[in-house]
Amino acid sequence: MDSTGFERRVAIAARLMTFVAVLASTIGAGLMIIIGLKETLLAIRLQVAADGDALPAGDATAIHLVTALDRFLMGVVLLYFAYGIYLLFVRPERSSVEMGIPRWLHVEGIDQLKQTLAEVIIVILFVLFLRVALETFIAQGPDMSWSEMLKLLTLPVSIFLLAAALKLAELHPKPRTAARPPGLDGGQGGSAPPSPGGQSRSPESQ
């Protein structure tokens, strides 16, 4: 049995398995965008009709729009993840020019993918806190107990800790250094190094 061929087939199968994650993330991104669109339509309906909600039309509209923003951001995260996995594992040989995308969207390594995902997730948590704060203040007003305020502050404290952890971890993409072609050291143009003594000896000279 050819071990090299078997290993090659296993490697190709492992690469194709990541396509399942790409497909699932793309479907999830589409679902999040649909939910965000639904929240936007609900906000428009509440603002125009001004009925069907216990809250004032303006407050309910704001909550629905912030929820839609949260869903859209989640869809963007899933799309970027699917796109990054596709470029890193399924088609790593494709360049940004061949894919027809801007250069700044090209994922060059797993470090870049992790950094971007972590930053966008922190933004999503900020939006989530905004929605929770709006719902809490609109529903209860300024009369909040200390326990309720502490519960409300749990999310921003968690966001701050995540941002600090991201900063400490230094999730910056490592610079990719191109391999130096052989024979280009010192401008030799591919010439072989001289033999000891500065000259080569032929059999006739011996």
N, C-alpha and C. Protein backbone atom coordinates (compact mmCIF):
# COMPACT_ATOMS: atom_id res chain seq x y z
N MET A 1 0.84 -1.20 0.00
CA MET A 1 0.00 0.00 0.00
C MET A 1 0.87 1.25 0.00
N ASP A 2 0.57 2.17 -0.91
CA ASP A 2 1.35 3.39 -1.02
C ASP A 2 0.99 4.32 0.14
N SER A 3 1.94 4.46 1.08
CA SER A 3 1.68 5.30 2.25
C SER A 3 1.58 6.77 1.88
N THR A 4 2.37 7.19 0.89
CA THR A 4 2.34 8.60 0.47
C THR A 4 0.98 8.97 -0.11
N GLY A 5 0.45 8.10 -0.97
CA GLY A 5 -0.87 8.36 -1.54
C GLY A 5 -1.96 8.36 -0.49
N PHE A 6 -1.86 7.44 0.48
CA PHE A 6 -2.86 7.40 1.55
C PHE A 6 -2.81 8.67 2.39
N GLU A 7 -1.60 9.11 2.74
CA GLU A 7 -1.47 10.34 3.51
C GLU A 7 -2.00 11.54 2.74
N ARG A 8 -1.79 11.55 1.44
CA ARG A 8 -2.30 12.65 0.63
C ARG A 8 -3.82 12.67 0.63
N ARG A 9 -4.44 11.48 0.50
CA ARG A 9 -5.90 11.41 0.52
C ARG A 9 -6.46 11.84 1.87
N VAL A 10 -5.78 11.45 2.95
CA VAL A 10 -6.23 11.87 4.29
C VAL A 10 -6.13 13.38 4.44
N ALA A 11 -5.04 13.97 3.95
CA ALA A 11 -4.87 15.42 4.05
C ALA A 11 -5.93 16.16 3.24
N ILE A 12 -6.23 15.66 2.05
CA ILE A 12 -7.27 16.29 1.23
C ILE A 12 -8.63 16.16 1.89
N ALA A 13 -8.92 14.98 2.47
CA ALA A 13 -10.20 14.79 3.16
C ALA A 13 -10.31 15.71 4.37
N ALA A 14 -9.21 15.90 5.09
CA ALA A 14 -9.24 16.80 6.25
C ALA A 14 -9.49 18.23 5.82
N ARG A 15 -8.90 18.64 4.70
CA ARG A 15 -9.16 19.99 4.19
C ARG A 15 -10.61 20.15 3.78
N LEU A 16 -11.17 19.12 3.14
CA LEU A 16 -12.56 19.22 2.71
C LEU A 16 -13.52 19.21 3.88
N MET A 17 -13.12 18.61 5.01
CA MET A 17 -14.00 18.63 6.18
C MET A 17 -14.23 20.04 6.68
N THR A 18 -13.25 20.92 6.51
CA THR A 18 -13.44 22.31 6.93
C THR A 18 -14.49 23.02 6.08
N PHE A 19 -14.77 22.48 4.90
CA PHE A 19 -15.81 23.08 4.07
C PHE A 19 -17.17 22.97 4.73
N VAL A 20 -17.37 21.94 5.58
CA VAL A 20 -18.62 21.83 6.33
C VAL A 20 -18.78 23.03 7.26
N ALA A 21 -17.68 23.41 7.93
CA ALA A 21 -17.73 24.59 8.80
C ALA A 21 -18.00 25.85 8.00
N VAL A 22 -17.42 25.94 6.80
CA VAL A 22 -17.66 27.10 5.94
C VAL A 22 -19.13 27.18 5.55
N LEU A 23 -19.70 26.05 5.15
CA LEU A 23 -21.10 26.03 4.72
C LEU A 23 -22.04 26.34 5.89
N ALA A 24 -21.78 25.73 7.06
CA ALA A 24 -22.64 25.98 8.22
C ALA A 24 -22.56 27.44 8.67
N SER A 25 -21.36 28.02 8.65
CA SER A 25 -21.21 29.41 9.06
C SER A 25 -21.91 30.35 8.08
N THR A 26 -21.84 30.02 6.79
CA THR A 26 -22.53 30.85 5.80
C THR A 26 -24.04 30.79 5.98
N ILE A 27 -24.57 29.60 6.25
CA ILE A 27 -26.01 29.47 6.50
C ILE A 27 -26.40 30.24 7.76
N GLY A 28 -25.58 30.12 8.82
CA GLY A 28 -25.86 30.87 10.04
C GLY A 28 -25.82 32.37 9.83
N ALA A 29 -24.87 32.83 9.00
CA ALA A 29 -24.80 34.26 8.69
C ALA A 29 -26.06 34.73 7.97
N GLY A 30 -26.52 33.93 7.01
CA GLY A 30 -27.76 34.28 6.33
C GLY A 30 -28.95 34.32 7.28
N LEU A 31 -28.99 33.38 8.23
CA LEU A 31 -30.07 33.37 9.20
C LEU A 31 -30.04 34.61 10.08
N MET A 32 -28.84 35.02 10.53
CA MET A 32 -28.72 36.22 11.36
C MET A 32 -29.14 37.47 10.59
N ILE A 33 -28.80 37.54 9.31
CA ILE A 33 -29.20 38.69 8.51
C ILE A 33 -30.71 38.73 8.33
N ILE A 34 -31.32 37.56 8.15
CA ILE A 34 -32.79 37.52 8.03
C ILE A 34 -33.45 37.97 9.33
N ILE A 35 -32.92 37.52 10.47
CA ILE A 35 -33.48 37.94 11.76
C ILE A 35 -33.29 39.44 11.96
N GLY A 36 -32.13 39.97 11.58
CA GLY A 36 -31.91 41.41 11.67
C GLY A 36 -32.86 42.19 10.78
N LEU A 37 -33.12 41.68 9.59
CA LEU A 37 -34.09 42.33 8.70
C LEU A 37 -35.49 42.30 9.30
N LYS A 38 -35.83 41.18 9.94
CA LYS A 38 -37.13 41.08 10.59
C LYS A 38 -37.27 42.11 11.72
N GLU A 39 -36.20 42.28 12.52
CA GLU A 39 -36.24 43.27 13.59
C GLU A 39 -36.36 44.69 13.02
N THR A 40 -35.71 44.94 11.90
CA THR A 40 -35.82 46.26 11.27
C THR A 40 -37.23 46.52 10.78
N LEU A 41 -37.86 45.52 10.18
CA LEU A 41 -39.24 45.68 9.72
C LEU A 41 -40.19 45.88 10.90
N LEU A 42 -39.93 45.19 12.02
CA LEU A 42 -40.76 45.40 13.21
C LEU A 42 -40.61 46.83 13.73
N ALA A 43 -39.38 47.35 13.69
CA ALA A 43 -39.16 48.73 14.13
C ALA A 43 -39.90 49.72 13.24
N ILE A 44 -39.88 49.47 11.94
CA ILE A 44 -40.60 50.36 11.02
C ILE A 44 -42.10 50.28 11.27
N ARG A 45 -42.61 49.06 11.48
CA ARG A 45 -44.05 48.91 11.72
C ARG A 45 -44.47 49.59 13.01
N LEU A 46 -43.66 49.45 14.07
CA LEU A 46 -44.00 50.10 15.34
C LEU A 46 -43.94 51.62 15.22
N GLN A 47 -42.99 52.13 14.47
CA GLN A 47 -42.87 53.57 14.34
C GLN A 47 -44.01 54.15 13.51
N VAL A 48 -44.45 53.40 12.51
CA VAL A 48 -45.52 53.90 11.64
C VAL A 48 -46.87 53.70 12.28
N ALA A 49 -47.13 52.48 12.81
CA ALA A 49 -48.44 52.19 13.38
C ALA A 49 -48.57 52.67 14.80
N ALA A 50 -47.47 52.67 15.57
CA ALA A 50 -47.46 53.10 16.98
C ALA A 50 -48.47 52.32 17.81
N ASP A 51 -48.53 51.02 17.59
CA ASP A 51 -49.41 50.18 18.39
C ASP A 51 -48.79 48.79 18.52
N GLY A 52 -49.43 47.99 19.33
CA GLY A 52 -49.02 46.61 19.48
C GLY A 52 -47.85 46.39 20.40
N ASP A 53 -47.47 47.40 21.20
CA ASP A 53 -46.35 47.23 22.10
C ASP A 53 -46.64 48.00 23.37
N ALA A 54 -46.21 47.44 24.52
CA ALA A 54 -46.45 48.10 25.80
C ALA A 54 -45.58 49.34 25.96
N LEU A 55 -44.45 49.40 25.28
CA LEU A 55 -43.56 50.54 25.38
C LEU A 55 -43.97 51.62 24.39
N PRO A 56 -43.54 52.87 24.61
CA PRO A 56 -43.76 53.91 23.61
C PRO A 56 -43.13 53.53 22.28
N ALA A 57 -43.69 54.07 21.21
CA ALA A 57 -43.24 53.66 19.87
C ALA A 57 -41.76 53.96 19.66
N GLY A 58 -41.30 55.13 20.11
CA GLY A 58 -39.90 55.47 19.92
C GLY A 58 -38.96 54.56 20.67
N ASP A 59 -39.29 54.24 21.92
CA ASP A 59 -38.43 53.35 22.71
C ASP A 59 -38.41 51.94 22.14
N ALA A 60 -39.57 51.44 21.77
CA ALA A 60 -39.63 50.09 21.19
C ALA A 60 -38.88 50.03 19.87
N THR A 61 -38.98 51.11 19.08
CA THR A 61 -38.25 51.15 17.81
C THR A 61 -36.75 51.10 18.04
N ALA A 62 -36.27 51.86 19.03
CA ALA A 62 -34.84 51.87 19.34
C ALA A 62 -34.35 50.48 19.76
N ILE A 63 -35.14 49.81 20.58
CA ILE A 63 -34.73 48.47 21.03
C ILE A 63 -34.67 47.50 19.86
N HIS A 64 -35.67 47.55 18.97
CA HIS A 64 -35.67 46.65 17.81
C HIS A 64 -34.50 46.95 16.88
N LEU A 65 -34.16 48.22 16.70
CA LEU A 65 -33.05 48.56 15.81
C LEU A 65 -31.71 48.14 16.40
N VAL A 66 -31.54 48.30 17.71
CA VAL A 66 -30.30 47.84 18.34
C VAL A 66 -30.19 46.32 18.25
N THR A 67 -31.33 45.64 18.43
CA THR A 67 -31.33 44.18 18.27
C THR A 67 -30.96 43.78 16.84
N ALA A 68 -31.49 44.53 15.86
CA ALA A 68 -31.14 44.25 14.46
C ALA A 68 -29.65 44.46 14.22
N LEU A 69 -29.08 45.52 14.82
CA LEU A 69 -27.65 45.75 14.68
C LEU A 69 -26.84 44.61 15.27
N ASP A 70 -27.28 44.10 16.40
CA ASP A 70 -26.60 42.96 17.03
C ASP A 70 -26.63 41.74 16.12
N ARG A 71 -27.78 41.49 15.50
CA ARG A 71 -27.90 40.33 14.61
C ARG A 71 -27.05 40.51 13.35
N PHE A 72 -27.03 41.71 12.80
CA PHE A 72 -26.22 41.95 11.61
C PHE A 72 -24.73 41.76 11.91
N LEU A 73 -24.28 42.24 13.07
CA LEU A 73 -22.88 42.06 13.44
C LEU A 73 -22.54 40.58 13.61
N MET A 74 -23.46 39.82 14.19
CA MET A 74 -23.23 38.38 14.32
C MET A 74 -23.13 37.72 12.94
N GLY A 75 -23.97 38.17 12.01
CA GLY A 75 -23.87 37.65 10.65
C GLY A 75 -22.54 37.98 10.00
N VAL A 76 -22.04 39.19 10.25
CA VAL A 76 -20.73 39.57 9.70
C VAL A 76 -19.62 38.69 10.28
N VAL A 77 -19.70 38.41 11.59
CA VAL A 77 -18.70 37.55 12.22
C VAL A 77 -18.71 36.16 11.58
N LEU A 78 -19.88 35.61 11.39
CA LEU A 78 -19.97 34.27 10.79
C LEU A 78 -19.48 34.27 9.34
N LEU A 79 -19.80 35.34 8.60
CA LEU A 79 -19.32 35.43 7.22
C LEU A 79 -17.80 35.53 7.17
N TYR A 80 -17.24 36.36 8.03
CA TYR A 80 -15.78 36.51 8.03
C TYR A 80 -15.10 35.21 8.45
N PHE A 81 -15.70 34.51 9.41
CA PHE A 81 -15.13 33.23 9.82
C PHE A 81 -15.17 32.23 8.66
N ALA A 82 -16.33 32.15 7.98
CA ALA A 82 -16.44 31.23 6.85
C ALA A 82 -15.45 31.59 5.75
N TYR A 83 -15.33 32.87 5.49
CA TYR A 83 -14.42 33.32 4.44
C TYR A 83 -12.96 33.02 4.81
N GLY A 84 -12.61 33.26 6.07
CA GLY A 84 -11.24 32.99 6.51
C GLY A 84 -10.90 31.51 6.47
N ILE A 85 -11.81 30.66 6.93
CA ILE A 85 -11.57 29.21 6.89
C ILE A 85 -11.45 28.72 5.45
N TYR A 86 -12.26 29.29 4.56
CA TYR A 86 -12.20 28.89 3.15
C TYR A 86 -10.84 29.23 2.54
N LEU A 87 -10.33 30.42 2.85
CA LEU A 87 -9.05 30.83 2.28
C LEU A 87 -7.87 30.08 2.91
N LEU A 88 -7.98 29.78 4.20
CA LEU A 88 -6.85 29.16 4.89
C LEU A 88 -6.75 27.66 4.65
N PHE A 89 -7.89 26.98 4.47
CA PHE A 89 -7.86 25.52 4.41
C PHE A 89 -8.34 24.96 3.07
N VAL A 90 -9.40 25.52 2.51
CA VAL A 90 -9.97 24.94 1.29
C VAL A 90 -9.21 25.39 0.05
N ARG A 91 -9.01 26.70 -0.10
CA ARG A 91 -8.31 27.24 -1.26
C ARG A 91 -7.19 28.17 -0.84
N PRO A 92 -6.16 27.66 -0.20
CA PRO A 92 -5.08 28.55 0.26
C PRO A 92 -4.25 29.14 -0.86
N GLU A 93 -4.34 28.56 -2.07
CA GLU A 93 -3.51 29.07 -3.16
C GLU A 93 -4.14 30.27 -3.86
N ARG A 94 -5.40 30.59 -3.57
CA ARG A 94 -6.07 31.71 -4.23
C ARG A 94 -5.64 33.02 -3.60
N SER A 95 -5.33 34.01 -4.43
CA SER A 95 -4.96 35.34 -3.95
C SER A 95 -6.19 36.23 -3.92
N SER A 96 -6.04 37.42 -3.31
CA SER A 96 -7.15 38.35 -3.23
C SER A 96 -7.54 38.86 -4.61
N VAL A 97 -6.58 38.96 -5.53
CA VAL A 97 -6.89 39.41 -6.89
C VAL A 97 -7.73 38.36 -7.61
N GLU A 98 -7.36 37.10 -7.45
CA GLU A 98 -8.13 36.03 -8.09
C GLU A 98 -9.53 35.91 -7.51
N MET A 99 -9.68 36.19 -6.21
CA MET A 99 -10.99 36.12 -5.58
C MET A 99 -11.83 37.35 -5.86
N GLY A 100 -11.22 38.41 -6.41
CA GLY A 100 -11.95 39.63 -6.71
C GLY A 100 -12.38 40.40 -5.48
N ILE A 101 -11.54 40.44 -4.45
CA ILE A 101 -11.87 41.11 -3.20
C ILE A 101 -10.78 42.12 -2.88
N PRO A 102 -11.07 43.10 -2.02
CA PRO A 102 -10.02 44.05 -1.60
C PRO A 102 -8.90 43.34 -0.86
N ARG A 103 -7.72 43.92 -0.96
CA ARG A 103 -6.55 43.32 -0.32
C ARG A 103 -6.69 43.26 1.19
N TRP A 104 -7.37 44.26 1.79
CA TRP A 104 -7.47 44.30 3.25
C TRP A 104 -8.43 43.26 3.80
N LEU A 105 -9.21 42.62 2.92
CA LEU A 105 -10.11 41.55 3.37
C LEU A 105 -9.46 40.18 3.29
N HIS A 106 -8.28 40.11 2.70
CA HIS A 106 -7.63 38.81 2.53
C HIS A 106 -7.08 38.31 3.87
N VAL A 107 -7.41 37.08 4.21
CA VAL A 107 -6.94 36.47 5.46
C VAL A 107 -5.64 35.75 5.17
N GLU A 108 -4.55 36.19 5.81
CA GLU A 108 -3.24 35.63 5.53
C GLU A 108 -2.78 34.60 6.56
N GLY A 109 -3.46 34.52 7.69
CA GLY A 109 -3.04 33.56 8.70
C GLY A 109 -4.07 33.42 9.79
N ILE A 110 -3.91 32.38 10.60
CA ILE A 110 -4.87 32.12 11.67
C ILE A 110 -4.81 33.20 12.73
N ASP A 111 -3.65 33.84 12.92
CA ASP A 111 -3.54 34.91 13.90
C ASP A 111 -4.39 36.11 13.51
N GLN A 112 -4.37 36.46 12.23
CA GLN A 112 -5.19 37.56 11.76
C GLN A 112 -6.67 37.25 11.92
N LEU A 113 -7.06 36.00 11.62
CA LEU A 113 -8.46 35.60 11.77
C LEU A 113 -8.89 35.69 13.22
N LYS A 114 -8.05 35.21 14.15
CA LYS A 114 -8.40 35.27 15.58
C LYS A 114 -8.52 36.70 16.07
N GLN A 115 -7.61 37.55 15.65
CA GLN A 115 -7.63 38.93 16.12
C GLN A 115 -8.90 39.64 15.66
N THR A 116 -9.23 39.50 14.38
CA THR A 116 -10.41 40.18 13.85
C THR A 116 -11.68 39.66 14.50
N LEU A 117 -11.80 38.34 14.65
CA LEU A 117 -12.98 37.77 15.28
C LEU A 117 -13.12 38.24 16.72
N ALA A 118 -12.01 38.27 17.46
CA ALA A 118 -12.07 38.71 18.86
C ALA A 118 -12.51 40.16 18.96
N GLU A 119 -12.01 41.02 18.08
CA GLU A 119 -12.38 42.43 18.13
C GLU A 119 -13.85 42.63 17.80
N VAL A 120 -14.35 41.92 16.77
CA VAL A 120 -15.75 42.08 16.40
C VAL A 120 -16.67 41.51 17.47
N ILE A 121 -16.27 40.42 18.11
CA ILE A 121 -17.09 39.85 19.19
C ILE A 121 -17.20 40.82 20.35
N ILE A 122 -16.12 41.54 20.66
CA ILE A 122 -16.18 42.54 21.72
C ILE A 122 -17.15 43.66 21.34
N VAL A 123 -17.16 44.06 20.07
CA VAL A 123 -18.12 45.07 19.61
C VAL A 123 -19.54 44.55 19.75
N ILE A 124 -19.75 43.27 19.42
CA ILE A 124 -21.09 42.69 19.57
C ILE A 124 -21.53 42.72 21.03
N LEU A 125 -20.61 42.44 21.95
CA LEU A 125 -20.96 42.50 23.37
C LEU A 125 -21.30 43.91 23.80
N PHE A 126 -20.62 44.91 23.25
CA PHE A 126 -20.98 46.30 23.53
C PHE A 126 -22.41 46.59 23.08
N VAL A 127 -22.75 46.13 21.87
CA VAL A 127 -24.11 46.34 21.36
C VAL A 127 -25.13 45.59 22.22
N LEU A 128 -24.77 44.39 22.66
CA LEU A 128 -25.66 43.63 23.54
C LEU A 128 -25.90 44.37 24.85
N PHE A 129 -24.85 44.95 25.41
CA PHE A 129 -25.01 45.73 26.64
C PHE A 129 -25.89 46.94 26.40
N LEU A 130 -25.75 47.59 25.25
CA LEU A 130 -26.61 48.73 24.94
C LEU A 130 -28.07 48.32 24.89
N ARG A 131 -28.35 47.17 24.28
CA ARG A 131 -29.74 46.71 24.21
C ARG A 131 -30.28 46.38 25.60
N VAL A 132 -29.49 45.67 26.41
CA VAL A 132 -29.94 45.32 27.76
C VAL A 132 -30.15 46.57 28.60
N ALA A 133 -29.25 47.55 28.47
CA ALA A 133 -29.40 48.79 29.24
C ALA A 133 -30.65 49.55 28.82
N LEU A 134 -30.91 49.61 27.52
CA LEU A 134 -32.12 50.28 27.04
C LEU A 134 -33.37 49.60 27.58
N GLU A 135 -33.42 48.29 27.48
CA GLU A 135 -34.59 47.57 27.96
C GLU A 135 -34.78 47.76 29.46
N THR A 136 -33.68 47.76 30.22
CA THR A 136 -33.78 47.91 31.67
C THR A 136 -34.23 49.30 32.07
N PHE A 137 -33.61 50.32 31.50
CA PHE A 137 -33.96 51.69 31.88
C PHE A 137 -35.34 52.09 31.39
N ILE A 138 -35.73 51.60 30.22
CA ILE A 138 -37.07 51.93 29.72
C ILE A 138 -38.14 51.23 30.54
N ALA A 139 -37.89 49.98 30.93
CA ALA A 139 -38.89 49.23 31.68
C ALA A 139 -38.99 49.68 33.13
N GLN A 140 -37.86 49.99 33.78
CA GLN A 140 -37.87 50.29 35.21
C GLN A 140 -37.65 51.75 35.53
N GLY A 141 -37.09 52.51 34.60
CA GLY A 141 -36.83 53.91 34.87
C GLY A 141 -35.66 54.09 35.82
N PRO A 142 -35.53 55.27 36.42
CA PRO A 142 -34.39 55.53 37.30
C PRO A 142 -34.48 54.81 38.65
N ASP A 143 -35.65 54.28 38.99
CA ASP A 143 -35.83 53.61 40.29
C ASP A 143 -35.31 52.18 40.20
N MET A 144 -34.02 52.03 40.37
CA MET A 144 -33.39 50.72 40.32
C MET A 144 -32.70 50.45 41.64
N SER A 145 -32.81 49.21 42.08
CA SER A 145 -32.13 48.83 43.31
C SER A 145 -30.65 48.59 43.04
N TRP A 146 -29.88 48.52 44.13
CA TRP A 146 -28.45 48.29 43.98
C TRP A 146 -28.16 46.92 43.38
N SER A 147 -28.95 45.93 43.73
CA SER A 147 -28.74 44.59 43.17
C SER A 147 -28.97 44.58 41.66
N GLU A 148 -30.00 45.31 41.21
CA GLU A 148 -30.27 45.37 39.77
C GLU A 148 -29.16 46.12 39.04
N MET A 149 -28.63 47.16 39.67
CA MET A 149 -27.54 47.90 39.05
C MET A 149 -26.28 47.04 38.96
N LEU A 150 -26.02 46.25 39.99
CA LEU A 150 -24.86 45.37 39.95
C LEU A 150 -25.01 44.31 38.86
N LYS A 151 -26.22 43.78 38.70
CA LYS A 151 -26.46 42.82 37.62
C LYS A 151 -26.23 43.47 36.26
N LEU A 152 -26.65 44.73 36.14
CA LEU A 152 -26.48 45.43 34.87
C LEU A 152 -25.01 45.70 34.57
N LEU A 153 -24.23 45.93 35.62
CA LEU A 153 -22.81 46.23 35.43
C LEU A 153 -21.96 44.98 35.19
N THR A 154 -22.56 43.81 35.34
CA THR A 154 -21.80 42.58 35.12
C THR A 154 -21.31 42.47 33.68
N LEU A 155 -22.17 42.83 32.74
CA LEU A 155 -21.80 42.71 31.32
C LEU A 155 -20.68 43.67 30.92
N PRO A 156 -20.75 44.97 31.26
CA PRO A 156 -19.62 45.84 30.87
C PRO A 156 -18.30 45.46 31.53
N VAL A 157 -18.36 44.98 32.77
CA VAL A 157 -17.13 44.53 33.42
C VAL A 157 -16.54 43.33 32.67
N SER A 158 -17.41 42.42 32.25
CA SER A 158 -16.94 41.27 31.47
C SER A 158 -16.34 41.71 30.14
N ILE A 159 -16.97 42.70 29.49
CA ILE A 159 -16.44 43.21 28.23
C ILE A 159 -15.07 43.83 28.44
N PHE A 160 -14.92 44.59 29.53
CA PHE A 160 -13.62 45.20 29.82
C PHE A 160 -12.55 44.14 30.05
N LEU A 161 -12.89 43.09 30.76
CA LEU A 161 -11.92 42.03 31.01
C LEU A 161 -11.53 41.31 29.72
N LEU A 162 -12.51 41.10 28.84
CA LEU A 162 -12.20 40.47 27.56
C LEU A 162 -11.29 41.35 26.71
N ALA A 163 -11.59 42.66 26.69
CA ALA A 163 -10.74 43.57 25.93
C ALA A 163 -9.33 43.62 26.50
N ALA A 164 -9.22 43.61 27.83
CA ALA A 164 -7.89 43.60 28.45
C ALA A 164 -7.15 42.31 28.14
N ALA A 165 -7.87 41.18 28.15
CA ALA A 165 -7.23 39.91 27.81
C ALA A 165 -6.76 39.90 26.36
N LEU A 166 -7.55 40.50 25.47
CA LEU A 166 -7.14 40.59 24.07
C LEU A 166 -5.89 41.43 23.91
N LYS A 167 -5.82 42.51 24.68
CA LYS A 167 -4.63 43.37 24.62
C LYS A 167 -3.41 42.65 25.18
N LEU A 168 -3.58 41.94 26.27
CA LEU A 168 -2.45 41.25 26.88
C LEU A 168 -1.97 40.08 26.02
N ALA A 169 -2.91 39.42 25.37
CA ALA A 169 -2.54 38.27 24.54
C ALA A 169 -1.80 38.68 23.28
N GLU A 170 -1.93 39.95 22.88
CA GLU A 170 -1.26 40.48 21.69
C GLU A 170 -1.56 39.63 20.47
N LEU A 171 -2.85 39.57 20.14
CA LEU A 171 -3.28 38.77 18.99
C LEU A 171 -3.06 39.54 17.70
N HIS A 172 -1.82 39.84 17.39
CA HIS A 172 -1.48 40.52 16.16
C HIS A 172 -0.87 39.50 15.19
N PRO A 173 -1.20 39.62 13.90
CA PRO A 173 -0.64 38.66 12.95
C PRO A 173 0.87 38.77 12.87
N LYS A 174 1.52 37.61 12.87
CA LYS A 174 2.97 37.59 12.79
C LYS A 174 3.42 37.95 11.37
N PRO A 175 4.48 38.74 11.24
CA PRO A 175 4.95 39.09 9.89
C PRO A 175 5.44 37.86 9.15
N ARG A 176 5.04 37.78 7.92
CA ARG A 176 5.42 36.64 7.08
C ARG A 176 6.67 37.00 6.30
N THR A 177 7.75 36.33 6.60
CA THR A 177 9.01 36.59 5.91
C THR A 177 9.15 35.61 4.76
N ALA A 178 9.41 36.17 3.60
CA ALA A 178 9.57 35.31 2.41
C ALA A 178 10.89 34.56 2.47
N ALA A 179 10.84 33.33 2.02
CA ALA A 179 12.06 32.51 2.00
C ALA A 179 13.04 33.07 0.99
N ARG A 180 14.29 33.13 1.36
CA ARG A 180 15.32 33.68 0.49
C ARG A 180 15.73 32.63 -0.53
N PRO A 181 15.69 32.97 -1.81
CA PRO A 181 16.06 31.98 -2.82
C PRO A 181 17.51 31.57 -2.66
N PRO A 182 17.81 30.31 -2.91
CA PRO A 182 19.20 29.86 -2.79
C PRO A 182 20.08 30.50 -3.84
N GLY A 183 21.32 30.77 -3.46
CA GLY A 183 22.27 31.33 -4.40
C GLY A 183 22.26 32.83 -4.48
N LEU A 184 21.43 33.54 -3.63
CA LEU A 184 21.36 34.99 -3.69
C LEU A 184 22.06 35.64 -2.53
N ASP A 185 22.75 34.90 -1.70
CA ASP A 185 23.43 35.48 -0.55
C ASP A 185 24.66 36.25 -1.03
N GLY A 186 24.75 37.50 -0.53
CA GLY A 186 25.91 38.31 -0.83
C GLY A 186 26.04 38.70 -2.28
N GLY A 187 24.94 38.58 -3.06
CA GLY A 187 24.98 39.00 -4.46
C GLY A 187 25.86 38.13 -5.32
N GLN A 188 25.99 36.85 -5.00
CA GLN A 188 26.86 35.96 -5.75
C GLN A 188 26.23 35.52 -7.06
N GLY A 189 24.86 35.72 -7.15
CA GLY A 189 24.19 35.36 -8.40
C GLY A 189 24.17 33.88 -8.65
N GLY A 190 24.23 33.08 -7.58
CA GLY A 190 24.11 31.64 -7.75
C GLY A 190 25.44 30.94 -7.91
N SER A 191 26.56 31.67 -7.83
CA SER A 191 27.86 31.02 -7.99
C SER A 191 28.20 30.23 -6.76
N ALA A 192 28.91 29.15 -6.95
CA ALA A 192 29.28 28.28 -5.85
C ALA A 192 30.43 28.91 -5.08
N PRO A 193 30.53 28.67 -3.79
CA PRO A 193 31.63 29.22 -3.01
C PRO A 193 32.94 28.63 -3.45
N PRO A 194 34.02 29.44 -3.37
CA PRO A 194 35.32 28.92 -3.81
C PRO A 194 35.81 27.82 -2.89
N SER A 195 36.63 26.98 -3.45
CA SER A 195 37.19 25.88 -2.68
C SER A 195 38.29 26.39 -1.78
N PRO A 196 38.63 25.66 -0.73
CA PRO A 196 39.71 26.10 0.16
C PRO A 196 40.99 26.33 -0.62
N GLY A 197 41.66 27.45 -0.30
CA GLY A 197 42.89 27.80 -0.99
C GLY A 197 42.67 28.73 -2.15
N GLY A 198 41.39 29.07 -2.45
CA GLY A 198 41.09 30.05 -3.48
C GLY A 198 41.08 29.48 -4.88
N GLN A 199 41.39 28.20 -5.12
CA GLN A 199 41.36 27.63 -6.45
C GLN A 199 41.02 26.15 -6.35
N SER A 200 40.50 25.62 -7.44
CA SER A 200 40.15 24.21 -7.49
C SER A 200 41.28 23.43 -8.13
N ARG A 201 41.43 22.24 -7.68
CA ARG A 201 42.51 21.39 -8.18
C ARG A 201 41.94 20.34 -9.11
N SER A 202 42.55 20.18 -10.26
CA SER A 202 42.12 19.18 -11.23
C SER A 202 42.98 17.93 -11.09
N PRO A 203 42.50 16.81 -11.60
CA PRO A 203 43.30 15.59 -11.50
C PRO A 203 44.62 15.69 -12.24
N GLU A 204 44.66 16.52 -13.37
CA GLU A 204 45.89 16.61 -14.13
C GLU A 204 47.00 17.33 -13.37
N SER A 205 46.59 18.27 -12.44
CA SER A 205 47.59 19.03 -11.71
C SER A 205 48.22 18.24 -10.60
N GLN A 206 47.64 17.09 -10.28
CA GLN A 206 48.19 16.28 -9.20
C GLN A 206 49.36 15.45 -9.71
